[in-house]
Amino acid sequence: MKKRIILPLILSLAFVSIQTEPAHAGFLKTYKAQISKNKEYKNTREDVKKVFEKQDEYTNSHNLEKLSELYSEDFVNTDGFGKKVYFQLIKDTWDTYSDIIYSTVIRDIQIDGDFATVQTYETALATTHEQSDTIDAFGELRSTANSIYYLKKFGEKWKITAEQILNEKSQLKYGDARFIKMDLTAPNMINAGQEYTASLNIELGENESAIASIENQEIIHPLDTPKEIFRQLGSQNELERIFNANKKNINEYATASIGIAKAVPYDETRARVYVSGIAFLMTRVNVIPENKYITVEEDNAQKTE
């Protein structure tokens, strides 16, 4: 009996909807709404993309005032630096590397109402306008980073509210070091207090040798000067050091300083050895903060669920 009541009811509702609005009219209405929504989403993506186009434009022209307008006043970066310190670091970089060139490739954009997240791949290239104290040569800087920017819409404008650097590498090379392949590897992310290894690998030529040091630095402002202890590289031209990540919930840099020496025959029995290049490498290590509010019992309970 119940089925006989429900079925006529469904048919009557269907009949009413058919009578009041033809099927094709409902379809067109939905289709037009979807087109409008897609257009609005596309326009929003373009507005967000323009923020990063302007970012490259203003950084490459060293226009600090215009660049500042792209960032909200409560901006904070992945190392906890607010807008004031962040922009002072930008100015210091421009003062040191007057010809620095930035490039940003957008890899992904996600929109959620008045909020957006943008994943980028960034590069920076520059030369030093001052020679090294150790070697009579100018230096070349190369830096790469994968980052996530967080944006919020203020009225009609999108502004950057936060930045998270997923990974980052920088190399500053002088003299012959510019032509030598070298890399400093360390984990992109590590738990506070956890042990990790930083490894340096250099591809040296037949008449080249190297000494190097590896240290770690907490990312604070201003940066501390690391205590360098230089060591001869091993037979595979590698050097490793083990560190314990800090428990201060501060991100770190693994850093390496390298000196390249070259031997040139002086006569049949002697050779002249001289410093032909130096290099400084830096790799970011993001430290996961220690959550002191989870007890052992709670932690074990979570694992068994």
Protein backbone atom coordinates (compact mmCIF):
# COMPACT_ATOMS: atom_id res chain seq x y z
CA MET A 1 0.00 0.00 0.00
CA LYS A 2 2.81 2.38 0.88
CA LYS A 3 4.46 1.91 -2.50
CA ARG A 4 1.23 2.85 -4.29
CA ILE A 5 1.12 6.12 -2.39
CA ILE A 6 4.78 7.05 -3.00
CA LEU A 7 4.79 6.20 -6.70
CA PRO A 8 1.84 8.46 -7.67
CA LEU A 9 3.41 11.21 -5.54
CA ILE A 10 6.72 10.97 -7.40
CA LEU A 11 4.92 10.95 -10.74
CA SER A 12 2.84 13.96 -9.80
CA LEU A 13 5.92 15.91 -8.72
CA ALA A 14 7.70 14.98 -11.92
CA PHE A 15 4.66 15.99 -13.95
CA VAL A 16 4.46 19.37 -12.19
CA SER A 17 8.14 20.08 -12.84
CA ILE A 18 7.78 19.09 -16.46
CA GLN A 19 4.75 21.31 -16.87
CA THR A 20 6.29 24.33 -15.16
CA GLU A 21 9.77 24.15 -16.74
CA PRO A 22 10.72 22.22 -19.89
CA ALA A 23 13.69 19.87 -19.48
CA HIS A 24 15.87 21.75 -21.93
CA ALA A 25 15.24 25.03 -20.07
CA GLY A 26 16.53 23.54 -16.80
CA PHE A 27 19.57 22.15 -18.58
CA LEU A 28 20.38 25.51 -20.18
CA LYS A 29 20.00 27.30 -16.87
CA THR A 30 22.45 24.91 -15.19
CA TYR A 31 24.86 25.12 -18.14
CA LYS A 32 24.86 28.93 -18.11
CA ALA A 33 25.45 28.97 -14.35
CA GLN A 34 28.44 26.63 -14.78
CA ILE A 35 29.88 28.80 -17.57
CA SER A 36 29.53 31.87 -15.37
CA LYS A 37 31.19 30.07 -12.46
CA ASN A 38 34.08 28.85 -14.64
CA LYS A 39 34.59 32.35 -16.03
CA GLU A 40 34.66 33.84 -12.55
CA TYR A 41 37.17 31.20 -11.38
CA LYS A 42 39.36 31.83 -14.42
CA ASN A 43 39.32 35.58 -13.82
CA THR A 44 40.24 35.01 -10.16
CA ARG A 45 43.19 32.82 -11.17
CA GLU A 46 44.38 35.54 -13.56
CA ASP A 47 44.17 38.14 -10.79
CA VAL A 48 46.27 35.92 -8.53
CA LYS A 49 48.81 35.25 -11.31
CA LYS A 50 49.20 39.00 -11.83
CA VAL A 51 50.40 39.33 -8.22
CA PHE A 52 53.42 37.15 -9.05
CA GLU A 53 54.03 38.85 -12.38
CA LYS A 54 54.21 42.14 -10.50
CA GLN A 55 56.38 40.52 -7.84
CA ASP A 56 59.01 39.60 -10.46
CA GLU A 57 58.68 43.04 -12.06
CA TYR A 58 59.22 44.94 -8.80
CA THR A 59 62.01 42.70 -7.48
CA ASN A 60 63.95 42.89 -10.74
CA SER A 61 63.58 46.69 -10.81
CA HIS A 62 64.39 46.89 -7.06
CA ASN A 63 61.17 48.79 -6.38
CA LEU A 64 60.77 48.09 -2.67
CA GLU A 65 57.77 50.41 -2.25
CA LYS A 66 55.70 48.78 -4.99
CA LEU A 67 56.75 45.30 -3.87
CA SER A 68 55.58 46.09 -0.33
CA GLU A 69 52.08 46.84 -1.64
CA LEU A 70 51.74 43.16 -2.71
CA TYR A 71 52.14 42.00 0.91
CA SER A 72 49.69 42.39 3.78
CA GLU A 73 50.83 44.24 6.89
CA ASP A 74 50.51 41.06 9.00
CA PHE A 75 52.66 39.02 6.57
CA VAL A 76 54.89 36.35 8.12
CA ASN A 77 57.32 34.02 6.38
CA THR A 78 58.27 30.41 7.04
CA ASP A 79 60.98 31.45 9.54
CA GLY A 80 58.65 33.63 11.60
CA PHE A 81 59.97 36.92 10.18
CA GLY A 82 57.37 39.68 9.95
CA LYS A 83 57.07 42.12 7.08
CA LYS A 84 59.56 44.65 8.49
CA VAL A 85 62.43 42.16 8.92
CA TYR A 86 61.53 40.33 5.68
CA PHE A 87 61.78 43.51 3.61
CA GLN A 88 64.99 44.57 5.34
CA LEU A 89 66.50 41.25 4.24
CA ILE A 90 65.32 41.92 0.67
CA LYS A 91 66.95 45.36 0.73
CA ASP A 92 70.20 43.88 2.11
CA THR A 93 70.19 41.33 -0.73
CA TRP A 94 69.74 44.04 -3.36
CA ASP A 95 72.55 46.11 -1.79
CA THR A 96 74.88 43.10 -1.95
CA TYR A 97 73.84 41.82 -5.38
CA SER A 98 72.97 44.87 -7.47
CA ASP A 99 72.39 42.87 -10.67
CA ILE A 100 70.31 40.05 -9.16
CA ILE A 101 67.63 38.63 -11.47
CA TYR A 102 64.59 36.76 -10.16
CA SER A 103 62.29 34.37 -12.00
CA THR A 104 59.08 32.73 -10.76
CA VAL A 105 57.29 29.75 -12.30
CA ILE A 106 53.78 29.09 -10.96
CA ARG A 107 53.17 25.36 -10.59
CA ASP A 108 49.73 25.36 -9.00
CA ILE A 109 46.96 27.73 -7.89
CA GLN A 110 44.14 26.79 -5.53
CA ILE A 111 41.27 29.20 -4.85
CA ASP A 112 38.92 28.97 -1.85
CA GLY A 113 36.66 32.01 -1.69
CA ASP A 114 38.76 35.01 -0.60
CA PHE A 115 41.82 32.83 0.02
CA ALA A 116 44.37 31.33 -2.36
CA THR A 117 47.47 29.13 -2.18
CA VAL A 118 50.11 29.30 -4.91
CA GLN A 119 52.97 26.84 -5.34
CA THR A 120 56.02 28.27 -7.10
CA TYR A 121 59.52 27.41 -8.30
CA GLU A 122 61.84 30.41 -7.95
CA THR A 123 65.36 31.13 -9.13
CA ALA A 124 67.79 33.98 -8.51
CA LEU A 125 71.02 34.71 -10.38
CA ALA A 126 73.58 37.38 -9.51
CA THR A 127 77.24 38.37 -9.42
CA THR A 128 79.07 40.03 -6.54
CA HIS A 129 80.27 43.58 -7.14
CA GLU A 130 83.11 43.01 -4.67
CA GLN A 131 85.97 40.56 -4.98
CA SER A 132 86.65 37.91 -2.37
CA ASP A 133 89.34 38.55 0.25
CA THR A 134 90.76 35.09 -0.48
CA ILE A 135 90.88 35.05 -4.26
CA ASP A 136 91.19 37.72 -6.94
CA ALA A 137 87.87 36.96 -8.65
CA PHE A 138 84.24 37.98 -8.61
CA GLY A 139 81.55 35.61 -7.42
CA GLU A 140 78.41 34.14 -8.95
CA LEU A 141 75.28 33.45 -6.94
CA ARG A 142 72.65 30.86 -7.91
CA SER A 143 69.64 30.15 -5.74
CA THR A 144 66.55 27.95 -6.18
CA ALA A 145 63.48 27.40 -4.01
CA ASN A 146 60.13 25.62 -4.04
CA SER A 147 57.63 27.65 -2.07
CA ILE A 148 53.96 28.00 -1.20
CA TYR A 149 52.44 31.47 -0.91
CA TYR A 150 49.20 32.18 0.90
CA LEU A 151 47.05 35.06 -0.31
CA LYS A 152 43.93 36.83 0.88
CA LYS A 153 41.59 39.16 -0.98
CA PHE A 154 41.35 42.64 0.52
CA GLY A 155 38.54 44.43 -1.29
CA GLU A 156 39.47 44.07 -4.96
CA LYS A 157 43.17 43.32 -4.34
CA TRP A 158 44.92 40.05 -3.60
CA LYS A 159 47.82 40.29 -1.15
CA ILE A 160 50.42 37.82 0.09
CA THR A 161 49.84 37.01 3.78
CA ALA A 162 52.36 34.21 4.34
CA GLU A 163 55.16 32.25 2.67
CA GLN A 164 56.29 28.69 3.28
CA ILE A 165 59.61 27.57 1.77
CA LEU A 166 59.52 23.82 1.10
CA ASN A 167 63.15 23.56 0.03
CA GLU A 168 65.92 25.99 -0.83
CA LYS A 169 69.51 25.80 -2.11
CA SER A 170 72.04 28.57 -2.73
CA GLN A 171 75.58 28.54 -4.13
CA LEU A 172 78.07 31.41 -4.20
CA LYS A 173 81.18 30.51 -6.22
CA TYR A 174 84.41 32.37 -6.99
CA GLY A 175 87.12 31.64 -9.57
CA ASP A 176 87.46 28.07 -10.84
CA ALA A 177 84.82 26.90 -8.35
CA ARG A 178 82.23 28.33 -10.78
CA PHE A 179 82.99 25.49 -13.20
CA ILE A 180 83.04 22.65 -10.68
CA LYS A 181 79.89 20.67 -9.94
CA MET A 182 79.22 20.45 -6.22
CA ASP A 183 76.19 19.82 -4.04
CA LEU A 184 75.30 20.00 -0.35
CA THR A 185 72.45 17.67 0.62
CA ALA A 186 70.44 17.60 3.84
CA PRO A 187 66.87 16.58 4.71
CA ASN A 188 64.27 19.17 3.68
CA MET A 189 62.37 18.52 6.91
CA ILE A 190 63.40 17.09 10.27
CA ASN A 191 61.87 16.70 13.73
CA ALA A 192 63.10 19.03 16.46
CA GLY A 193 66.07 17.41 18.23
CA GLN A 194 66.40 14.66 15.62
CA GLU A 195 69.78 13.65 14.23
CA TYR A 196 70.48 14.31 10.55
CA THR A 197 73.40 14.15 8.11
CA ALA A 198 74.62 16.91 5.80
CA SER A 199 76.72 15.62 2.89
CA LEU A 200 78.99 17.52 0.49
CA ASN A 201 80.00 16.08 -2.87
CA ILE A 202 82.44 17.77 -5.29
CA GLU A 203 83.49 16.62 -8.77
CA LEU A 204 87.17 17.63 -8.84
CA GLY A 205 89.47 17.59 -11.85
CA GLU A 206 92.73 15.63 -12.13
CA ASN A 207 95.00 18.36 -10.72
CA GLU A 208 92.51 19.77 -8.23
CA SER A 209 92.06 19.21 -4.50
CA ALA A 210 89.74 20.70 -1.94
CA ILE A 211 89.29 21.40 1.74
CA ALA A 212 85.87 22.11 3.18
CA SER A 213 83.81 22.62 6.29
CA ILE A 214 80.15 21.84 7.00
CA GLU A 215 78.20 23.61 9.72
CA ASN A 216 74.59 24.28 10.65
CA GLN A 217 73.01 27.64 11.45
CA GLU A 218 69.71 28.51 13.06
CA ILE A 219 67.75 30.90 10.82
CA ILE A 220 67.54 33.98 13.01
CA HIS A 221 68.11 37.66 12.32
CA PRO A 222 70.91 38.50 12.12
CA LEU A 223 72.51 35.14 11.29
CA ASP A 224 75.28 33.87 13.55
CA THR A 225 78.70 33.33 11.99
CA PRO A 226 79.45 29.57 12.01
CA LYS A 227 82.71 28.25 13.47
CA GLU A 228 84.43 26.68 10.49
CA ILE A 229 86.77 23.71 10.81
CA PHE A 230 88.20 22.77 7.42
CA ARG A 231 88.84 19.15 6.53
CA GLN A 232 90.40 17.35 3.59
CA LEU A 233 87.81 15.59 1.43
CA GLY A 234 87.73 11.79 1.37
CA SER A 235 88.78 9.54 -1.51
CA GLN A 236 85.37 9.98 -3.17
CA ASN A 237 85.60 13.78 -2.81
CA GLU A 238 82.89 13.69 -0.15
CA LEU A 239 82.51 15.15 3.31
CA GLU A 240 79.77 14.45 5.86
CA ARG A 241 78.76 15.81 9.23
CA ILE A 242 76.06 14.75 11.67
CA PHE A 243 73.96 17.35 13.50
CA ASN A 244 71.09 17.37 15.94
CA ALA A 245 68.26 19.69 14.92
CA ASN A 246 67.62 22.40 17.48
CA LYS A 247 64.69 22.17 19.91
CA LYS A 248 63.89 25.88 19.73
CA ASN A 249 61.42 25.39 16.86
CA ILE A 250 63.71 27.36 14.55
CA ASN A 251 64.52 26.33 10.97
CA GLU A 252 68.16 25.75 10.06
CA TYR A 253 70.64 26.05 7.22
CA ALA A 254 73.25 23.41 6.49
CA THR A 255 76.23 25.40 5.17
CA ALA A 256 79.49 24.45 3.49
CA SER A 257 82.63 26.47 2.80
CA ILE A 258 84.98 25.07 0.15
CA GLY A 259 88.48 25.97 -0.95
CA ILE A 260 89.72 24.67 -4.33
CA ALA A 261 93.46 24.24 -4.90
CA LYS A 262 95.10 23.53 -8.23
CA ALA A 263 98.58 22.12 -8.89
CA VAL A 264 100.51 23.42 -11.91
CA PRO A 265 103.89 21.85 -12.90
CA TYR A 266 106.75 24.23 -12.12
CA ASP A 267 109.55 22.08 -13.52
CA GLU A 268 110.21 18.35 -13.86
CA THR A 269 110.17 17.73 -10.10
CA ARG A 270 108.09 20.51 -8.60
CA ALA A 271 104.60 21.93 -8.90
CA ARG A 272 103.09 25.21 -7.84
CA VAL A 273 99.91 24.90 -5.77
CA TYR A 274 97.56 27.86 -5.49
CA VAL A 275 93.98 28.61 -4.46
CA SER A 276 91.98 28.71 -7.67
CA GLY A 277 88.48 29.01 -6.29
CA ILE A 278 86.26 29.17 -3.24
CA ALA A 279 82.56 28.42 -2.77
CA PHE A 280 79.82 28.73 -0.17
CA LEU A 281 76.81 26.41 -0.29
CA MET A 282 73.61 26.57 1.72
CA THR A 283 70.69 24.12 2.01
CA ARG A 284 67.54 24.71 4.05
CA VAL A 285 66.47 22.27 6.77
CA ASN A 286 62.91 22.92 8.00
CA VAL A 287 62.49 21.89 11.64
CA ILE A 288 59.12 20.45 12.67
CA PRO A 289 58.18 22.02 16.03
CA GLU A 290 57.99 19.76 19.05
CA ASN A 291 54.41 19.50 20.33
CA LYS A 292 54.76 19.45 24.10
CA TYR A 293 51.04 19.05 24.72
CA ILE A 294 50.75 15.43 23.55
CA THR A 295 51.39 12.94 26.34
CA VAL A 296 52.88 9.48 25.76
CA GLU A 297 49.53 7.87 26.58
CA GLU A 298 47.71 10.04 24.04
CA ASP A 299 50.35 9.35 21.44
CA ASN A 300 50.09 5.57 21.93
CA ALA A 301 46.30 5.76 21.83
CA GLN A 302 46.44 7.53 18.49
CA LYS A 303 48.70 4.81 17.06
CA THR A 304 46.30 2.03 18.07
CA GLU A 305 43.23 3.68 16.55
